[in-house]
């Protein structure tokens, strides 16, 4: 499950393996091995990946299907705006 989630998150941000590797200070080969399921990251690296994508480690590991969104440091008004955008996107999907 991890290898699917990391690839999905990486591509959703429009990053290739080299770009993502630079972002978290690992090689393209390391990213490729994770996404192929050949190796698993260390616990420290798993935490770094979760922080980079603003998701929980449980989500990355497939223990939880709910990605989270870190809104720390935002005002209540900004959080409400984000919620409105999410609700709008959900409404668009329902109308399709």
N, C-alpha and C. Protein backbone atom coordinates (compact mmCIF):
# COMPACT_ATOMS: atom_id res chain seq x y z
N UNK A 1 0.81 -1.19 0.00
CA UNK A 1 0.00 0.00 0.00
C UNK A 1 0.86 1.26 0.00
N UNK A 2 1.95 1.24 0.76
CA UNK A 2 2.82 2.41 0.84
C UNK A 2 3.28 2.85 -0.55
N UNK A 3 3.74 1.88 -1.35
CA UNK A 3 4.30 2.25 -2.65
C UNK A 3 3.25 2.91 -3.55
N UNK A 4 1.98 2.49 -3.41
CA UNK A 4 0.93 3.11 -4.20
C UNK A 4 0.65 4.54 -3.72
N UNK A 5 0.61 4.70 -2.42
CA UNK A 5 0.29 6.02 -1.85
C UNK A 5 1.38 7.04 -2.17
N UNK A 6 2.63 6.64 -2.02
CA UNK A 6 3.71 7.61 -2.24
C UNK A 6 3.74 8.06 -3.71
N UNK A 7 3.53 7.13 -4.61
CA UNK A 7 3.52 7.49 -6.03
C UNK A 7 2.33 8.39 -6.35
N UNK A 8 1.18 8.06 -5.81
CA UNK A 8 -0.03 8.87 -6.03
C UNK A 8 0.17 10.29 -5.52
N UNK A 9 0.71 10.42 -4.33
CA UNK A 9 0.93 11.74 -3.75
C UNK A 9 1.98 12.52 -4.53
N UNK A 10 3.05 11.85 -4.91
CA UNK A 10 4.12 12.51 -5.66
C UNK A 10 3.60 13.05 -6.98
N UNK A 11 2.88 12.21 -7.72
CA UNK A 11 2.39 12.64 -9.04
C UNK A 11 1.29 13.70 -8.91
N UNK A 12 0.52 13.65 -7.82
CA UNK A 12 -0.53 14.66 -7.64
C UNK A 12 0.06 16.06 -7.47
N UNK A 13 1.31 16.11 -6.98
CA UNK A 13 2.00 17.40 -6.85
C UNK A 13 2.79 17.75 -8.11
N UNK A 14 2.75 16.88 -9.11
CA UNK A 14 3.45 17.14 -10.36
C UNK A 14 4.96 16.97 -10.24
N UNK A 15 5.40 16.16 -9.28
CA UNK A 15 6.83 15.94 -9.07
C UNK A 15 7.27 14.63 -9.72
N UNK A 16 8.43 14.66 -10.38
CA UNK A 16 9.00 13.39 -10.82
C UNK A 16 9.85 12.84 -9.67
N UNK A 17 10.40 11.65 -9.86
CA UNK A 17 11.15 11.01 -8.78
C UNK A 17 12.39 11.81 -8.39
N UNK A 18 13.05 12.41 -9.34
CA UNK A 18 14.24 13.21 -9.05
C UNK A 18 13.87 14.42 -8.21
N UNK A 19 12.82 15.12 -8.59
CA UNK A 19 12.38 16.31 -7.85
C UNK A 19 11.97 15.96 -6.43
N UNK A 20 11.21 14.88 -6.29
CA UNK A 20 10.77 14.48 -4.95
C UNK A 20 11.97 14.06 -4.11
N UNK A 21 12.90 13.33 -4.73
CA UNK A 21 14.11 12.91 -4.02
C UNK A 21 14.90 14.10 -3.49
N UNK A 22 15.04 15.13 -4.31
CA UNK A 22 15.74 16.34 -3.86
C UNK A 22 15.02 17.00 -2.70
N UNK A 23 13.69 16.99 -2.75
CA UNK A 23 12.88 17.62 -1.72
C UNK A 23 13.10 16.98 -0.35
N UNK A 24 13.33 15.65 -0.34
CA UNK A 24 13.51 14.95 0.94
C UNK A 24 14.93 14.42 1.11
N UNK A 25 15.83 14.83 0.24
CA UNK A 25 17.27 14.51 0.33
C UNK A 25 17.59 13.03 0.19
N UNK A 26 16.97 12.39 -0.81
CA UNK A 26 17.32 11.01 -1.15
C UNK A 26 17.47 10.92 -2.67
N UNK A 27 18.02 9.82 -3.13
CA UNK A 27 18.25 9.64 -4.56
C UNK A 27 16.98 9.22 -5.29
N UNK A 28 16.99 9.40 -6.61
CA UNK A 28 15.90 8.93 -7.45
C UNK A 28 15.75 7.43 -7.30
N UNK A 29 16.87 6.72 -7.20
CA UNK A 29 16.84 5.27 -7.07
C UNK A 29 16.10 4.85 -5.79
N UNK A 30 16.30 5.59 -4.74
CA UNK A 30 15.61 5.32 -3.48
C UNK A 30 14.10 5.47 -3.66
N UNK A 31 13.68 6.55 -4.30
CA UNK A 31 12.26 6.78 -4.56
C UNK A 31 11.71 5.65 -5.44
N UNK A 32 12.45 5.30 -6.46
CA UNK A 32 12.04 4.23 -7.35
C UNK A 32 11.88 2.91 -6.60
N UNK A 33 12.81 2.60 -5.72
CA UNK A 33 12.72 1.36 -4.93
C UNK A 33 11.50 1.37 -4.01
N UNK A 34 11.20 2.52 -3.41
CA UNK A 34 10.01 2.61 -2.56
C UNK A 34 8.75 2.39 -3.38
N UNK A 35 8.69 3.07 -4.53
CA UNK A 35 7.49 3.00 -5.36
C UNK A 35 7.32 1.63 -6.02
N UNK A 36 8.38 0.88 -6.14
CA UNK A 36 8.31 -0.47 -6.69
C UNK A 36 8.04 -1.51 -5.61
N UNK A 37 8.12 -1.09 -4.36
CA UNK A 37 7.90 -1.99 -3.25
C UNK A 37 9.10 -2.86 -2.91
N UNK A 38 10.28 -2.50 -3.44
CA UNK A 38 11.48 -3.29 -3.16
C UNK A 38 12.02 -3.05 -1.75
N UNK A 39 11.91 -1.82 -1.29
CA UNK A 39 12.38 -1.49 0.06
C UNK A 39 11.38 -0.57 0.73
N UNK A 40 11.47 -0.47 2.03
CA UNK A 40 10.62 0.43 2.82
C UNK A 40 11.52 1.50 3.43
N UNK A 41 10.99 2.70 3.62
CA UNK A 41 11.80 3.75 4.24
C UNK A 41 11.96 3.50 5.74
N UNK A 42 12.96 4.12 6.31
CA UNK A 42 13.13 4.09 7.76
C UNK A 42 11.98 4.85 8.41
N UNK A 43 11.81 4.67 9.69
CA UNK A 43 10.76 5.38 10.41
C UNK A 43 10.97 6.89 10.30
N UNK A 44 12.21 7.34 10.45
CA UNK A 44 12.49 8.77 10.33
C UNK A 44 12.11 9.30 8.95
N UNK A 45 12.43 8.52 7.92
CA UNK A 45 12.11 8.94 6.55
C UNK A 45 10.60 8.89 6.32
N UNK A 46 9.92 7.91 6.88
CA UNK A 46 8.47 7.83 6.76
C UNK A 46 7.82 9.09 7.33
N UNK A 47 8.31 9.54 8.45
CA UNK A 47 7.80 10.77 9.07
C UNK A 47 8.08 11.97 8.16
N UNK A 48 9.27 12.03 7.60
CA UNK A 48 9.61 13.14 6.70
C UNK A 48 8.70 13.15 5.47
N UNK A 49 8.42 11.98 4.92
CA UNK A 49 7.54 11.88 3.76
C UNK A 49 6.14 12.35 4.13
N UNK A 50 5.64 11.90 5.28
CA UNK A 50 4.30 12.29 5.73
C UNK A 50 4.23 13.80 5.91
N UNK A 51 5.25 14.38 6.49
CA UNK A 51 5.27 15.84 6.68
C UNK A 51 5.32 16.57 5.34
N UNK A 52 6.09 16.05 4.40
CA UNK A 52 6.20 16.67 3.08
C UNK A 52 4.86 16.70 2.37
N UNK A 53 4.10 15.61 2.47
CA UNK A 53 2.81 15.52 1.80
C UNK A 53 1.64 15.98 2.68
N UNK A 54 1.93 16.35 3.93
CA UNK A 54 0.89 16.77 4.89
C UNK A 54 -0.18 15.70 5.06
N UNK A 55 0.27 14.46 5.21
CA UNK A 55 -0.63 13.34 5.49
C UNK A 55 -0.10 12.60 6.72
N UNK A 56 -0.90 11.71 7.27
CA UNK A 56 -0.45 10.93 8.41
C UNK A 56 0.37 9.72 7.95
N UNK A 57 1.18 9.23 8.84
CA UNK A 57 1.93 8.00 8.52
C UNK A 57 0.95 6.84 8.36
N UNK A 58 -0.14 6.85 9.11
CA UNK A 58 -1.16 5.81 8.95
C UNK A 58 -1.71 5.81 7.53
N UNK A 59 -1.91 6.99 6.97
CA UNK A 59 -2.40 7.08 5.59
C UNK A 59 -1.36 6.50 4.63
N UNK A 60 -0.11 6.87 4.80
CA UNK A 60 0.94 6.35 3.92
C UNK A 60 1.03 4.83 3.98
N UNK A 61 0.84 4.27 5.17
CA UNK A 61 0.97 2.83 5.36
C UNK A 61 -0.31 2.06 5.03
N UNK A 62 -1.36 2.78 4.69
CA UNK A 62 -2.61 2.12 4.33
C UNK A 62 -3.45 1.71 5.52
N UNK A 63 -3.13 2.22 6.70
CA UNK A 63 -3.91 1.89 7.90
C UNK A 63 -5.15 2.76 8.03
N UNK A 64 -5.17 3.84 7.26
CA UNK A 64 -6.26 4.80 7.31
C UNK A 64 -6.44 5.33 5.89
N UNK A 65 -7.65 5.41 5.42
CA UNK A 65 -7.90 5.89 4.06
C UNK A 65 -8.21 7.37 3.98
N UNK A 66 -8.08 8.06 5.11
CA UNK A 66 -8.41 9.47 5.13
C UNK A 66 -7.15 10.33 5.15
N UNK A 67 -6.82 10.94 4.02
CA UNK A 67 -5.68 11.87 4.05
C UNK A 67 -6.05 13.08 4.89
N UNK A 68 -5.08 13.69 5.50
CA UNK A 68 -5.34 14.86 6.33
C UNK A 68 -4.74 16.09 5.67
N UNK A 69 -5.15 17.21 6.14
CA UNK A 69 -4.64 18.48 5.63
C UNK A 69 -4.18 19.29 6.83
N UNK A 70 -2.92 19.65 6.83
CA UNK A 70 -2.37 20.42 7.94
C UNK A 70 -2.74 21.88 7.77
N UNK A 71 -3.55 22.39 8.69
CA UNK A 71 -3.97 23.78 8.63
C UNK A 71 -3.38 24.61 9.76
N UNK A 72 -2.36 24.06 10.41
CA UNK A 72 -1.71 24.78 11.50
C UNK A 72 -1.17 26.11 11.01
N UNK A 73 -1.42 27.13 11.79
CA UNK A 73 -0.91 28.46 11.45
C UNK A 73 -1.86 29.27 10.59
N UNK A 74 -2.96 28.66 10.13
CA UNK A 74 -3.93 29.40 9.34
C UNK A 74 -4.99 29.99 10.26
N UNK A 75 -5.56 31.07 9.81
CA UNK A 75 -6.65 31.68 10.58
C UNK A 75 -7.93 30.88 10.37
N UNK A 76 -8.90 31.10 11.24
CA UNK A 76 -10.20 30.44 11.08
C UNK A 76 -10.83 30.80 9.74
N UNK A 77 -10.67 32.03 9.33
CA UNK A 77 -11.21 32.47 8.04
C UNK A 77 -10.57 31.69 6.89
N UNK A 78 -9.25 31.51 6.95
CA UNK A 78 -8.56 30.76 5.90
C UNK A 78 -9.00 29.29 5.90
N UNK A 79 -9.18 28.70 7.07
CA UNK A 79 -9.63 27.31 7.17
C UNK A 79 -11.05 27.18 6.58
N UNK A 80 -11.92 28.13 6.89
CA UNK A 80 -13.27 28.09 6.34
C UNK A 80 -13.24 28.22 4.82
N UNK A 81 -12.35 29.02 4.30
CA UNK A 81 -12.20 29.17 2.86
C UNK A 81 -11.79 27.83 2.23
N UNK A 82 -10.83 27.16 2.84
CA UNK A 82 -10.38 25.85 2.34
C UNK A 82 -11.53 24.85 2.38
N UNK A 83 -12.29 24.85 3.46
CA UNK A 83 -13.45 23.95 3.55
C UNK A 83 -14.44 24.23 2.44
N UNK A 84 -14.67 25.50 2.15
CA UNK A 84 -15.61 25.86 1.08
C UNK A 84 -15.12 25.35 -0.27
N UNK A 85 -13.83 25.46 -0.52
CA UNK A 85 -13.26 24.96 -1.78
C UNK A 85 -13.44 23.44 -1.86
N UNK A 86 -13.17 22.74 -0.77
CA UNK A 86 -13.34 21.28 -0.74
C UNK A 86 -14.80 20.91 -0.99
N UNK A 87 -15.70 21.60 -0.34
CA UNK A 87 -17.13 21.33 -0.54
C UNK A 87 -17.53 21.57 -1.98
N UNK A 88 -17.00 22.63 -2.58
CA UNK A 88 -17.28 22.93 -3.98
C UNK A 88 -16.78 21.81 -4.89
N UNK A 89 -15.59 21.34 -4.64
CA UNK A 89 -15.02 20.25 -5.45
C UNK A 89 -15.86 18.98 -5.30
N UNK A 90 -16.26 18.67 -4.08
CA UNK A 90 -17.12 17.50 -3.85
C UNK A 90 -18.44 17.64 -4.60
N UNK A 91 -19.00 18.84 -4.60
CA UNK A 91 -20.24 19.08 -5.31
C UNK A 91 -20.09 18.89 -6.81
N UNK A 92 -18.94 19.29 -7.36
CA UNK A 92 -18.67 19.10 -8.77
C UNK A 92 -18.63 17.62 -9.13
N UNK A 93 -18.01 16.81 -8.27
CA UNK A 93 -17.93 15.37 -8.52
C UNK A 93 -19.31 14.74 -8.51
N UNK A 94 -20.17 15.19 -7.60
CA UNK A 94 -21.52 14.63 -7.49
C UNK A 94 -22.35 14.97 -8.71
N UNK A 95 -22.11 16.13 -9.30
CA UNK A 95 -22.88 16.58 -10.45
C UNK A 95 -22.44 15.88 -11.75
N UNK A 96 -21.28 15.26 -11.73
CA UNK A 96 -20.75 14.64 -12.97
C UNK A 96 -21.37 13.31 -13.26
